[in-house]
Protein backbone atom coordinates (compact mmCIF):
# COMPACT_ATOMS: atom_id res chain seq x y z
CA MET A 1 11.88 -44.01 -12.01
CA ARG A 2 15.47 -44.97 -11.21
CA ILE A 3 16.70 -43.03 -14.24
CA LYS A 4 14.62 -40.03 -13.19
CA LYS A 5 16.07 -40.14 -9.69
CA ALA A 6 19.60 -40.51 -11.05
CA LEU A 7 19.14 -37.48 -13.31
CA LYS A 8 17.79 -35.43 -10.42
CA ARG A 9 20.78 -36.27 -8.28
CA PHE A 10 23.15 -35.68 -11.20
CA ALA A 11 21.71 -32.18 -11.74
CA TYR A 12 21.70 -31.37 -8.05
CA GLU A 13 25.29 -32.46 -7.39
CA THR A 14 26.50 -30.65 -10.51
CA PHE A 15 25.03 -27.27 -9.64
CA ARG A 16 24.85 -27.20 -5.86
CA PRO A 17 27.40 -25.05 -3.99
CA HIS A 18 30.58 -26.89 -3.03
CA SER A 19 32.77 -25.98 -0.12
CA ARG A 20 36.48 -25.33 -0.04
CA GLU A 21 36.96 -28.63 1.78
CA GLU A 22 35.40 -30.48 -1.15
CA TYR A 23 37.87 -28.87 -3.57
CA VAL A 24 40.76 -29.81 -1.30
CA GLU A 25 39.50 -33.38 -1.01
CA LEU A 26 39.21 -33.66 -4.79
CA PHE A 27 42.81 -32.66 -5.46
CA THR A 28 44.38 -34.43 -2.49
CA ARG A 29 42.61 -37.71 -3.16
CA GLY A 30 44.91 -40.68 -3.54
CA ASP A 31 45.11 -42.68 -0.33
CA GLY A 32 41.75 -42.16 1.35
CA GLU A 33 39.11 -44.73 2.11
CA GLY A 34 35.42 -44.94 1.53
CA ALA A 35 33.21 -43.84 -1.34
CA ALA A 36 34.16 -40.87 -3.49
CA PRO A 37 31.82 -37.87 -3.76
CA TYR A 38 29.35 -37.59 -6.61
CA PRO A 39 30.81 -35.99 -9.83
CA TRP A 40 30.57 -32.21 -9.93
CA PHE A 41 33.96 -30.68 -10.77
CA TYR A 42 33.76 -31.51 -14.52
CA ALA A 43 31.06 -28.84 -15.03
CA ARG A 44 33.34 -26.15 -13.58
CA VAL A 45 36.16 -27.31 -15.86
CA PHE A 46 33.88 -27.17 -18.90
CA LEU A 47 32.62 -23.64 -18.24
CA VAL A 48 36.05 -22.21 -17.40
CA CYS A 49 37.68 -23.75 -20.49
CA LEU A 50 34.82 -22.61 -22.70
CA LEU A 51 35.08 -19.02 -21.47
CA LEU A 52 38.86 -19.16 -21.92
CA PHE A 53 38.30 -20.30 -25.51
CA GLY A 54 36.00 -17.33 -26.12
CA ILE A 55 38.50 -14.90 -24.58
CA MET A 56 41.26 -16.29 -26.81
CA CYS A 57 39.05 -15.75 -29.88
CA ILE A 58 38.38 -12.15 -28.90
CA GLY A 59 42.08 -11.59 -28.19
CA TYR A 60 43.06 -12.93 -31.62
CA SER A 61 40.42 -10.80 -33.34
CA LEU A 62 41.29 -7.53 -31.63
CA SER A 63 44.98 -7.67 -30.80
CA GLY A 64 46.59 -10.34 -32.97
CA LEU A 65 47.00 -12.85 -30.15
CA ASP A 66 48.98 -15.92 -31.19
CA PHE A 67 46.67 -18.27 -33.07
CA LEU A 68 48.21 -21.27 -31.32
CA LEU A 69 46.56 -20.13 -28.08
CA VAL A 70 43.16 -20.13 -29.79
CA ALA A 71 43.77 -23.61 -31.19
CA PHE A 72 44.97 -24.98 -27.85
CA ALA A 73 42.02 -23.58 -25.88
CA GLY A 74 39.54 -24.82 -28.48
CA GLY A 75 41.14 -28.23 -28.82
CA ILE A 76 41.32 -29.18 -25.16
CA PHE A 77 38.08 -28.06 -23.49
CA ALA A 78 35.84 -31.01 -24.45
CA ASP A 79 38.42 -33.77 -23.91
CA LEU A 80 39.58 -32.32 -20.60
CA THR A 81 36.00 -32.16 -19.33
CA PHE A 82 35.32 -35.75 -20.41
CA VAL A 83 38.46 -37.11 -18.75
CA VAL A 84 37.72 -35.24 -15.50
CA LEU A 85 34.18 -36.65 -15.49
CA LEU A 86 35.50 -40.22 -15.89
CA ALA A 87 37.98 -39.67 -13.06
CA GLU A 88 35.22 -38.34 -10.80
CA ILE A 89 32.97 -41.37 -11.25
CA TYR A 90 35.64 -43.65 -9.79
CA PRO A 91 33.88 -44.93 -6.64
CA LYS A 92 36.89 -44.94 -4.32
CA ARG A 93 39.04 -42.19 -2.85
CA ASP A 94 42.33 -43.74 -4.02
CA LEU A 95 42.44 -42.29 -7.56
CA SER A 96 44.38 -39.04 -7.88
CA LEU A 97 42.86 -36.54 -10.30
CA LEU A 98 46.29 -35.00 -10.82
CA ALA A 99 47.66 -38.40 -11.90
CA VAL A 100 44.88 -38.75 -14.47
CA LEU A 101 45.56 -35.25 -15.83
CA ALA A 102 49.30 -36.01 -16.01
CA ALA A 103 48.51 -39.17 -17.99
CA MET A 104 46.36 -37.09 -20.34
CA LEU A 105 49.09 -34.51 -20.97
CA CYS A 106 52.09 -36.84 -21.22
CA GLY A 107 50.16 -39.59 -22.97
CA GLY A 108 48.75 -37.15 -25.52
CA VAL A 109 52.19 -35.75 -26.33
CA LEU A 110 53.87 -39.16 -26.63
CA SER A 111 51.10 -40.81 -28.66
CA SER A 112 51.00 -37.80 -30.99
CA ALA A 113 54.76 -38.04 -31.52
CA LEU A 114 54.53 -41.76 -32.33
CA SER A 115 51.67 -41.13 -34.75
CA TYR A 116 53.47 -38.37 -36.62
CA ILE A 117 56.49 -40.62 -37.05
CA GLY A 118 54.19 -43.21 -38.62
CA TYR A 119 52.65 -40.63 -40.94
CA ALA A 120 55.96 -40.39 -42.79
CA PHE A 121 55.36 -43.85 -44.26
CA ARG A 122 51.74 -43.51 -45.31
CA THR A 123 50.51 -43.59 -48.89
CA TYR A 124 47.89 -41.26 -50.33
CA THR A 125 45.93 -43.98 -52.10
CA PRO A 126 42.25 -43.98 -51.02
CA PHE A 127 41.45 -46.58 -48.34
CA ALA A 128 45.14 -47.47 -48.02
CA GLU A 129 45.80 -44.06 -46.44
CA GLN A 130 42.70 -44.52 -44.30
CA ALA A 131 43.86 -47.95 -43.12
CA TRP A 132 47.39 -46.78 -42.39
CA THR A 133 46.22 -43.71 -40.47
CA ALA A 134 43.96 -45.86 -38.28
CA PHE A 135 46.81 -48.31 -37.66
CA VAL A 136 49.33 -45.61 -36.77
CA GLU A 137 47.07 -43.67 -34.42
CA GLU A 138 45.52 -46.64 -32.64
CA THR A 139 48.88 -48.37 -32.23
CA GLY A 140 50.49 -45.20 -30.87
CA LYS A 141 47.73 -44.59 -28.31
CA ASP A 142 47.58 -48.21 -27.19
CA LEU A 143 51.35 -48.48 -26.75
CA VAL A 144 51.30 -45.37 -24.56
CA THR A 145 48.32 -46.76 -22.64
CA ILE A 146 50.35 -49.90 -21.87
CA ILE A 147 53.24 -47.76 -20.60
CA VAL A 148 50.95 -45.63 -18.41
CA LEU A 149 49.28 -48.68 -16.86
CA LEU A 150 52.67 -50.25 -16.15
CA ILE A 151 53.59 -47.08 -14.25
CA VAL A 152 50.25 -46.90 -12.42
CA GLY A 153 50.46 -50.52 -11.31
CA LYS A 154 46.92 -51.08 -10.06
CA ARG A 155 44.87 -53.02 -12.58
CA ASP A 156 41.20 -52.85 -11.64
CA PRO A 157 39.02 -52.50 -14.77
CA LEU A 158 37.63 -49.00 -14.20
CA ARG A 159 41.02 -47.52 -13.32
CA CYS A 160 42.50 -49.02 -16.51
CA LEU A 161 39.59 -47.65 -18.54
CA ILE A 162 40.02 -44.16 -17.08
CA PHE A 163 43.77 -43.99 -17.73
CA GLY A 164 43.29 -45.34 -21.26
CA ALA A 165 40.63 -42.71 -21.94
CA ALA A 166 42.98 -40.06 -20.53
CA VAL A 167 45.66 -41.03 -23.08
CA GLY A 168 43.09 -41.03 -25.89
CA GLY A 169 41.65 -37.72 -24.70
CA GLY A 170 45.11 -36.15 -24.68
CA TYR A 171 45.75 -37.33 -28.23
CA SER A 172 42.32 -36.06 -29.30
CA ALA A 173 42.97 -32.64 -27.75
CA PHE A 174 46.23 -32.19 -29.65
CA GLU A 175 44.66 -33.45 -32.88
CA ASN A 176 41.74 -31.03 -32.48
CA ALA A 177 44.17 -28.16 -31.94
CA TRP A 178 46.13 -29.19 -35.04
CA PHE A 179 43.02 -29.32 -37.21
CA MET A 180 41.91 -25.94 -35.89
CA TYR A 181 45.33 -24.49 -36.66
CA THR A 182 45.54 -25.86 -40.21
CA ASN A 183 41.92 -25.02 -41.06
CA GLY A 184 41.99 -21.55 -39.60
CA PHE A 185 45.48 -20.09 -39.58
CA TYR A 186 46.01 -20.07 -43.34
CA ALA A 187 42.70 -18.38 -44.06
CA SER A 188 42.60 -14.64 -43.67
CA GLY A 189 40.89 -12.50 -41.05
CA SER A 190 37.58 -13.48 -39.52
CA ALA A 191 37.15 -16.31 -42.03
CA GLY A 192 40.14 -18.14 -40.59
CA LEU A 193 38.88 -17.73 -37.04
CA SER A 194 35.44 -18.85 -38.11
CA MET A 195 36.84 -22.02 -39.67
CA ALA A 196 38.92 -22.74 -36.56
CA VAL A 197 36.02 -22.29 -34.14
CA GLN A 198 33.64 -24.37 -36.24
CA THR A 199 36.26 -27.11 -36.47
CA GLY A 200 36.84 -27.08 -32.71
CA LEU A 201 33.14 -27.13 -31.81
CA TRP A 202 32.26 -29.90 -34.26
CA ARG A 203 35.20 -32.08 -33.27
CA SER A 204 34.45 -31.56 -29.57
CA LEU A 205 31.06 -33.23 -30.09
CA GLY A 206 32.85 -36.44 -31.06
CA THR A 207 35.02 -36.61 -27.93
CA PRO A 208 33.28 -39.59 -26.24
CA PHE A 209 32.73 -41.31 -29.61
CA SER A 210 36.28 -41.58 -30.91
CA HIS A 211 39.86 -41.48 -29.58
CA ALA A 212 39.04 -41.34 -25.86
CA ALA A 213 36.52 -44.18 -26.21
CA TRP A 214 38.81 -46.48 -28.23
CA ALA A 215 41.81 -46.00 -25.93
CA GLY A 216 39.59 -46.37 -22.84
CA ILE A 217 38.15 -49.65 -24.15
CA PHE A 218 41.66 -50.94 -24.82
CA GLY A 219 42.74 -49.87 -21.34
CA TRP A 220 39.82 -51.80 -19.83
CA ALA A 221 41.04 -54.91 -21.70
CA LEU A 222 44.40 -54.67 -19.85
CA SER A 223 42.83 -55.07 -16.39
CA GLY A 224 43.48 -58.08 -14.24
CA GLU A 225 46.52 -60.32 -14.02
CA LYS A 226 48.25 -61.48 -17.22
CA PRO A 227 45.73 -59.81 -19.56
CA TYR A 228 47.87 -60.53 -22.62
CA LYS A 229 47.10 -64.25 -22.29
CA THR A 230 43.43 -63.51 -22.89
CA PHE A 231 41.74 -62.46 -26.12
CA ARG A 232 40.43 -59.14 -24.72
CA PRO A 233 43.34 -56.77 -25.59
CA TYR A 234 43.53 -58.06 -29.14
CA ALA A 235 39.78 -57.94 -29.63
CA MET A 236 39.53 -54.40 -28.24
CA TYR A 237 42.46 -53.25 -30.39
CA ALA A 238 40.75 -54.71 -33.45
CA PHE A 239 37.50 -53.01 -32.43
CA GLY A 240 39.17 -49.60 -32.08
CA TYR A 241 41.04 -50.03 -35.35
CA THR A 242 37.87 -51.00 -37.23
CA MET A 243 35.87 -48.12 -35.78
CA HIS A 244 38.67 -45.70 -36.62
CA PHE A 245 38.87 -47.00 -40.18
CA PHE A 246 35.15 -46.54 -40.82
CA VAL A 247 34.74 -43.25 -38.97
CA ASN A 248 36.98 -41.55 -41.56
CA PHE A 249 34.83 -42.61 -44.52
CA PRO A 250 33.55 -39.04 -45.18
CA LEU A 251 37.19 -38.10 -45.99
CA THR A 252 37.51 -40.61 -48.84
CA PRO A 253 36.63 -39.56 -52.42
CA MET A 254 34.12 -42.40 -52.90
CA PHE A 255 32.22 -41.62 -49.68
CA SER A 256 32.87 -37.89 -49.35
CA GLY A 257 30.24 -35.66 -47.85
CA TRP A 258 26.88 -37.08 -46.84
CA LYS A 259 27.60 -40.52 -48.33
CA GLY A 260 30.04 -41.32 -45.56
CA TYR A 261 28.32 -39.60 -42.63
CA PRO A 262 25.87 -42.46 -41.85
CA ILE A 263 28.80 -44.90 -41.67
CA SER A 264 30.71 -42.52 -39.39
CA ALA A 265 27.63 -42.05 -37.19
CA VAL A 266 27.09 -45.81 -36.77
CA THR A 267 30.71 -46.34 -35.70
CA GLY A 268 30.45 -43.50 -33.20
CA VAL A 269 27.28 -44.93 -31.64
CA LEU A 270 28.85 -48.40 -31.37
CA SER A 271 31.96 -46.91 -29.74
CA VAL A 272 30.14 -44.90 -27.09
CA ALA A 273 27.68 -47.72 -26.41
CA LEU A 274 30.50 -50.15 -25.66
CA LEU A 275 32.28 -47.52 -23.56
CA ILE A 276 29.17 -46.91 -21.44
CA PHE A 277 28.57 -50.65 -21.01
CA LEU A 278 32.14 -51.31 -19.90
CA THR A 279 32.13 -48.26 -17.61
CA ILE A 280 28.99 -49.43 -15.79
CA LYS A 281 30.28 -52.99 -15.59
CA SER A 282 33.65 -51.83 -14.25
CA PHE A 283 32.03 -49.45 -11.77
CA ARG A 284 30.01 -52.25 -10.26
CA ALA A 285 33.09 -54.46 -10.07
CA VAL A 286 35.19 -51.97 -8.08
CA ARG A 287 32.46 -50.23 -6.06
CA PRO A 288 33.32 -50.50 -2.34
CA LEU A 289 31.01 -52.66 -0.26
CA PRO A 290 28.88 -50.68 2.22
CA SER A 291 29.73 -50.91 5.88
CA ALA A 292 27.35 -52.37 8.45
CA ASP A 293 26.10 -48.95 9.49
CA VAL A 294 25.43 -47.92 5.92
CA SER A 295 23.62 -51.21 5.27
CA GLU A 296 21.28 -50.61 8.20
CA ASP A 297 20.54 -47.11 6.93
CA ALA A 298 19.92 -48.47 3.47
CA GLU A 299 17.45 -51.02 4.79
CA ALA A 300 15.65 -48.38 6.83
CA ALA A 301 15.49 -45.98 3.90
CA PRO A 302 12.36 -46.07 1.74
CA GLN A 303 12.66 -47.92 -1.57
CA THR A 304 10.86 -45.21 -3.50
CA GLU A 305 11.33 -41.47 -3.67
CA ASP A 306 10.02 -39.89 -0.53
CA ARG A 307 10.22 -36.47 1.09
CA LEU A 308 11.08 -36.60 4.77
CA ILE A 309 10.82 -33.62 7.08
CA SER A 310 13.12 -33.75 10.07
CA GLU A 311 12.65 -32.08 13.41
CA ASN A 312 14.49 -28.93 12.34
CA GLY A 313 12.36 -28.56 9.23
CA GLU A 314 14.97 -29.70 6.70
CA ILE A 315 13.66 -31.59 3.67
CA SER A 316 15.63 -34.49 2.17
CA LEU A 317 15.10 -36.66 -0.89
CA HIS A 318 15.91 -40.36 -0.41
CA PHE A 319 16.70 -42.94 -3.07
CA ALA A 320 16.33 -46.69 -3.23
CA SER A 321 20.02 -47.14 -2.47
CA GLY A 322 19.60 -45.39 0.85
CA ALA A 323 21.60 -42.36 -0.31
CA SER A 324 20.04 -38.98 0.10
CA PHE A 325 20.76 -35.38 -0.60
CA ARG A 326 19.19 -32.25 0.71
CA ARG A 327 16.53 -30.95 -1.68
CA SER A 328 15.97 -27.65 0.00
CA GLY A 329 17.72 -28.06 3.37
CA ASP A 330 17.55 -24.71 5.05
CA ALA A 331 15.62 -21.95 3.38
CA CYS A 332 18.65 -20.90 1.30
CA THR A 333 19.64 -24.21 -0.29
CA GLY A 334 17.14 -24.09 -3.14
CA TYR A 335 18.08 -20.50 -3.91
CA ARG A 336 21.77 -21.40 -3.97
CA LEU A 337 21.07 -24.19 -6.43
CA MET A 338 19.08 -21.96 -8.77
CA SER A 339 21.66 -19.18 -8.56
CA ASN A 340 24.38 -21.60 -9.67
CA VAL A 341 22.23 -22.84 -12.56
CA LEU A 342 21.66 -19.27 -13.73
CA LEU A 343 25.37 -18.44 -13.37
CA SER A 344 26.26 -21.45 -15.54
CA ALA A 345 23.69 -20.47 -18.15
CA ALA A 346 25.06 -16.91 -18.15
CA ALA A 347 28.58 -18.25 -18.77
CA LEU A 348 27.39 -20.27 -21.80
CA CYS A 349 25.55 -17.26 -23.20
CA VAL A 350 28.61 -15.06 -22.74
CA PHE A 351 30.70 -17.56 -24.69
CA PHE A 352 28.34 -17.59 -27.67
CA ALA A 353 27.99 -13.82 -27.52
CA MET A 354 31.80 -13.51 -27.70
CA ILE A 355 32.31 -15.84 -30.65
CA GLY A 356 29.27 -14.56 -32.56
CA PRO A 357 30.69 -11.47 -34.26
CA THR A 358 34.23 -12.79 -34.63
CA CYS A 359 33.80 -16.45 -35.50
CA VAL A 360 30.39 -17.84 -36.34
CA PHE A 361 29.61 -15.47 -39.20
CA GLY A 362 33.15 -14.84 -40.36
CA GLY A 363 32.58 -16.87 -43.51
CA TYR A 364 33.61 -20.23 -44.89
CA ARG A 365 36.83 -20.94 -46.71
CA ASN A 366 36.44 -22.27 -50.23
CA TYR A 367 38.50 -22.56 -53.38
CA SER A 368 37.79 -21.67 -56.97
CA TYR A 369 39.72 -21.68 -60.23
CA ARG A 370 40.28 -18.66 -62.43
CA ASP A 371 41.48 -18.99 -66.03
CA TYR A 372 43.52 -16.42 -67.96
CA SER A 373 44.15 -16.25 -71.69
CA CYS A 374 47.65 -14.79 -71.34
CA TRP A 375 50.34 -14.16 -68.73
CA GLU A 376 49.82 -10.40 -68.73
CA GLU A 377 46.19 -10.84 -67.68
CA ALA A 378 47.17 -13.16 -64.82
CA LEU A 379 49.96 -10.80 -63.78
CA ALA A 380 47.60 -7.82 -63.56
CA ASP A 381 45.28 -9.78 -61.28
CA VAL A 382 47.89 -11.27 -58.96
CA GLN A 383 49.73 -7.95 -58.55
CA ASN A 384 46.53 -5.91 -57.98
CA GLY A 385 47.23 -3.74 -61.02
CA HIS A 386 50.77 -2.77 -59.97
CA VAL A 387 53.39 -2.82 -62.72
CA PHE A 388 56.88 -3.86 -61.58
CA ASP A 389 59.94 -3.43 -63.77
CA TYR A 390 63.35 -4.50 -62.51
CA ASP A 391 66.46 -6.34 -63.61
CA GLU A 392 65.78 -10.01 -62.83
CA GLU A 393 69.47 -10.90 -63.33
CA ARG A 394 70.96 -7.91 -61.58
CA PRO A 395 74.64 -8.57 -60.63
CA TYR A 396 76.02 -7.98 -57.17
CA LEU A 397 77.36 -4.40 -57.09
CA GLU A 398 80.22 -4.19 -54.62
CA GLN A 399 81.51 -0.86 -55.89
CA ASP A 400 78.65 1.05 -54.20
CA PRO A 401 78.50 0.16 -50.45
CA SER A 402 75.56 2.52 -49.96
CA LEU A 403 73.36 -0.09 -51.68
CA ASN A 404 74.08 -2.69 -49.01
CA LYS A 405 71.37 -3.14 -46.39
CA SER A 406 72.56 -6.20 -44.47
CA TYR A 407 75.35 -8.78 -44.33
CA VAL A 408 75.88 -12.32 -43.11
CA PHE A 409 79.41 -13.26 -41.94
CA GLU A 410 80.84 -16.77 -41.65
CA ASP A 411 84.45 -17.35 -40.54
CA GLY A 412 85.17 -13.66 -40.98
CA LYS A 413 83.91 -13.55 -44.59
CA ILE A 414 80.78 -12.07 -46.08
CA THR A 415 78.64 -14.93 -47.38
CA SER A 416 75.31 -13.15 -47.90
CA VAL A 417 74.39 -9.57 -48.82
CA THR A 418 71.10 -7.73 -49.31
CA GLN A 419 71.21 -4.72 -51.61
CA ALA A 420 68.49 -2.17 -52.34
CA GLN A 421 67.94 -0.36 -55.60
CA THR A 422 65.12 1.76 -56.99
CA TYR A 423 63.53 0.98 -60.34
CA GLY A 424 60.76 3.37 -61.34
CA ASP A 425 58.41 4.04 -58.41
CA TYR A 426 59.46 1.13 -56.21
CA GLU A 427 62.43 0.09 -54.12
CA TYR A 428 63.58 -3.52 -54.61
CA PHE A 429 65.72 -5.67 -52.31
CA PHE A 430 68.07 -8.25 -53.83
CA THR A 431 69.59 -10.93 -51.59
CA TYR A 432 72.77 -12.68 -52.77
CA VAL A 433 74.70 -15.63 -51.40
CA LEU A 434 78.24 -16.72 -52.16
CA VAL A 435 78.20 -20.12 -53.88
CA PRO A 436 81.03 -22.26 -55.33
CA GLU A 437 81.22 -22.74 -59.07
CA GLU A 438 83.37 -25.25 -60.93
CA VAL A 439 85.34 -23.53 -63.68
CA THR A 440 87.68 -24.65 -66.43
CA GLY A 441 90.27 -22.25 -67.72
CA SER A 442 89.36 -18.64 -67.03
CA THR A 443 87.35 -17.32 -64.11
CA ALA A 444 83.59 -17.43 -64.57
CA SER A 445 81.59 -14.25 -65.00
CA GLY A 446 80.81 -12.68 -61.66
CA ALA A 447 83.30 -14.87 -59.75
CA LEU A 448 85.86 -13.55 -57.32
CA PRO A 449 89.35 -13.07 -58.78
CA ARG A 450 91.82 -15.91 -58.25
CA GLU A 451 93.97 -13.86 -55.88
CA GLU A 452 90.97 -13.32 -53.55
CA GLN A 453 90.21 -17.02 -53.24
CA SER A 454 91.25 -18.73 -50.03
CA ASP A 455 92.69 -21.93 -51.57
CA GLU A 456 94.42 -23.19 -54.69
CA SER A 457 91.60 -25.45 -55.88
CA ASP A 458 89.75 -25.16 -59.17
CA THR A 459 86.68 -23.78 -57.36
CA ALA A 460 85.62 -20.20 -58.01
CA TYR A 461 82.89 -18.36 -56.12
CA ARG A 462 80.08 -16.22 -57.47
CA TRP A 463 77.22 -14.19 -56.06
CA GLU A 464 73.81 -15.71 -56.80
CA ILE A 465 70.40 -14.10 -56.27
CA THR A 466 68.31 -16.10 -53.79
CA SER A 467 65.36 -13.76 -53.29
CA VAL A 468 63.93 -10.48 -54.53
CA SER A 469 61.36 -8.38 -52.68
CA VAL A 470 59.67 -5.05 -53.29
CA ASP A 471 58.44 -2.38 -50.88
CA VAL A 472 54.84 -1.28 -51.58
CA ASN A 473 53.40 1.21 -49.11
CA GLY A 474 55.64 -0.04 -46.33
CA ALA A 475 54.88 -3.74 -46.89
CA LYS A 476 57.41 -6.16 -48.35
CA TYR A 477 56.34 -8.62 -51.04
CA TYR A 478 58.62 -11.43 -52.16
CA ARG A 479 58.98 -12.76 -55.67
CA GLN A 480 57.00 -15.89 -56.44
CA ALA A 481 57.31 -18.36 -59.32
CA ALA A 482 54.37 -19.58 -61.39
CA HIS A 483 54.64 -23.23 -62.43
CA ARG A 484 54.66 -24.05 -66.14
CA VAL A 485 52.93 -27.35 -66.85
CA ASN A 486 52.90 -29.00 -70.25
CA TYR A 487 50.20 -31.63 -70.62
CA GLU A 488 50.86 -34.67 -72.78
CA THR A 489 48.68 -37.65 -73.60
CA ALA A 490 50.13 -41.09 -72.87
CA SER A 491 49.58 -44.19 -74.98
CA ASP A 492 46.75 -45.35 -72.72
CA GLY A 493 44.94 -42.03 -73.14
CA SER A 494 45.77 -40.65 -69.71
CA VAL A 495 46.94 -37.05 -69.35
CA ILE A 496 50.40 -36.44 -67.91
CA GLY A 497 51.46 -33.10 -66.45
CA ILE A 498 55.14 -32.32 -67.00
CA TYR A 499 56.64 -29.41 -65.10
CA ASP A 500 58.86 -27.08 -67.07
CA PRO A 501 61.74 -25.70 -64.96
CA ARG A 502 61.44 -22.24 -66.55
CA PRO A 503 59.31 -20.14 -64.16
CA TYR A 504 57.28 -16.98 -64.53
CA TYR A 505 58.37 -14.62 -61.73
CA TYR A 506 55.90 -12.23 -60.14
CA PHE A 507 55.14 -10.34 -56.92
CA GLN A 508 51.97 -11.60 -55.27
CA LEU A 509 50.00 -8.72 -53.80
CA ASN A 510 46.61 -10.43 -54.07
CA SER A 511 46.67 -12.77 -51.05
CA ARG A 512 43.60 -14.66 -52.25
CA ILE A 513 45.56 -16.15 -55.16
CA LEU A 514 47.29 -19.25 -53.80
CA SER A 515 49.15 -20.46 -56.89
CA ILE A 516 49.28 -20.16 -60.68
CA THR A 517 50.01 -22.84 -63.28
CA GLY A 518 50.70 -22.24 -66.95
CA THR A 519 49.99 -24.54 -69.88
CA ASP A 520 52.30 -24.22 -72.89
CA GLY A 521 52.80 -20.55 -72.04
CA GLU A 522 49.36 -19.78 -73.52
CA ARG A 523 46.79 -20.53 -70.82
CA PHE A 524 47.08 -19.89 -67.08
CA THR A 525 44.96 -21.09 -64.16
CA ALA A 526 44.98 -19.63 -60.64
CA ILE A 527 43.69 -21.27 -57.46
CA VAL A 528 41.75 -18.63 -55.55
CA SER A 529 40.81 -18.81 -51.87
CA GLY A 530 37.46 -17.23 -51.19
CA THR A 531 35.06 -16.84 -48.29
CA THR A 532 31.39 -16.16 -47.94
CA PRO A 533 30.80 -12.51 -47.05
CA VAL A 534 30.38 -11.54 -43.42
CA ARG A 535 26.65 -11.45 -42.71
CA LEU A 536 26.42 -8.37 -40.58
CA THR A 537 22.70 -8.55 -39.81
CA GLU A 538 22.80 -12.18 -38.69
CA SER A 539 25.89 -11.48 -36.61
CA ILE A 540 24.22 -8.57 -34.81
CA VAL A 541 21.07 -10.59 -34.12
CA PHE A 542 23.05 -13.63 -32.92
CA THR A 543 25.21 -11.60 -30.57
CA SER A 544 22.31 -9.50 -29.30
CA VAL A 545 20.17 -12.53 -28.45
CA PHE A 546 22.91 -14.27 -26.46
CA SER A 547 24.00 -11.03 -24.82
CA ALA A 548 20.41 -10.38 -23.69
CA ALA A 549 20.15 -13.95 -22.42
CA ALA A 550 23.41 -13.53 -20.49
CA VAL A 551 22.13 -10.31 -18.91
CA ALA A 552 18.81 -11.95 -17.99
CA CYS A 553 20.59 -14.90 -16.36
CA GLY A 554 22.89 -12.50 -14.55
CA VAL A 555 19.93 -10.53 -13.20
CA GLY A 556 18.27 -13.74 -12.02
CA TYR A 557 21.51 -14.77 -10.34
CA ALA A 558 21.70 -11.40 -8.55
CA VAL A 559 18.06 -11.67 -7.41
CA TYR A 560 18.63 -15.10 -5.89
CA LYS A 561 21.81 -13.94 -4.16
CA LEU A 562 19.90 -11.01 -2.65
CA LYS A 563 17.20 -13.38 -1.40
CA ILE A 564 19.85 -15.59 0.19
CA ARG A 565 21.41 -12.56 1.84
CA ARG A 566 18.03 -11.37 3.13
CA ILE A 567 17.14 -14.79 4.54
CA LYS A 568 20.47 -15.02 6.32
CA LYS A 569 19.99 -11.55 7.75
CA CYS A 570 16.52 -12.43 9.04
CA SER A 571 17.80 -15.68 10.52
CA THR A 572 20.54 -13.82 12.36
CA LYS A 573 18.03 -11.37 13.83
CA ASN A 574 15.71 -14.18 14.97
CA VAL A 575 18.57 -16.01 16.69
CA SER A 576 19.62 -12.79 18.42
CA SER A 577 16.08 -12.11 19.66
CA VAL A 578 15.78 -15.64 21.04
CA LYS A 579 18.98 -15.22 22.97
């Protein structure tokens, strides 16, 4: 029964209308006294961030909005909501929400920077990489948590847990954004957006099970005086490190895919279970004692759920603790509650309707290998059937200035030149740079004459091609180099790949081909990026269903608002007639 009552109050406080004074109190909190209001602001944060994420996806799909904005909006919404919820459950009015959000932002940036410095020293051996990654990330977050708590000063257990979770949530938000960016940006079109959105949504589900939980648990261990003389910080650090190590098992070759998911799930459940236990324990430790007046009310209040009707007809629901909230209050309260529920449901439906056509069914990125029997066959595929013929070793032609398209000057001298020249049906752009060349005796071919050199040293200068591009239907394509790999068998039977420095040059017009490798100049293999086709029918059905649900919720919201308006109008008339 107590859980049922708690859920009822949780739902009511989340969706009931809140006044402007309550918003002001939430953001100006920091030195007040007494018990803090019941959590409610987190739900507003979640819905606003989710709608912002959907708008960013639409903007990227239709107008080429910067992909970083999509990744940021998708990476932060779950962690921000979780951190705000933890801050709201603090039972006193002396915890500033703005301070918690500042710790999340600054702590996330600093811990991410420390982690990326540590990544430079990791090895890519299975399990060793896993162990080093866990060490780097947990150490970075915990060091920043220590710094934040030193700045905050107050060391009660729940406050320390909240600020630790804020640091972990900030790190998680930036990591989510990074994974969304890397998984989505390099894929093309709707497939890239689909990968990014799926990554963001899946990773958001793990918010209370991973970084925020581990850093929050470590923060709790730093509460009290002289915590470092106890075993708690070291035990909680070891716990977070162990959980982090095992949660990444699906990424290892031996436990990839479904083999590692049960291990990852167990670690997540253990993490959130310990977080909930410590949160409840800490809440009870710092909860303010009720005053004498409140105690008398609590004793007079019924110990079971009971509906009480006051003289003015208002109905209240009382709990065992003596706290109560208005179930229906005046005739409009219930309608206000339902209208807010419908408005929240409409917002969720709008989000899924927005990402449906652009993200969910955009396809999945995958890789395949394509073999060719000769270089000409590979060349025809990678260049989409175009045949390019140009002088790969074309010299810099200074006698015809009309060929020059751009210059780079350094200390009054030209050090880089781009020239254009037409071969066949295409216009090519050759970029040269001036490089020194050691010579003995006579001047090297293509070097500047001795009298044009600026010193008397034995260094001559020559123009060297650094890049070649071609214009095809207004788009520029730059020359690529296919790797030549010769495979040899070592004495122990292992195969060794030896790169040959002589490249095959080509213009890559087929963007799905990521790279080409050649074996002995006879066989060639290309890595091809592919996606599942866009499922138009499923996309239309998905979007239509959520759009219809959003409209239905919106209509229900409008109906309730009209009822509220009508009741208020009738109440005003009755009061006027009485007067």
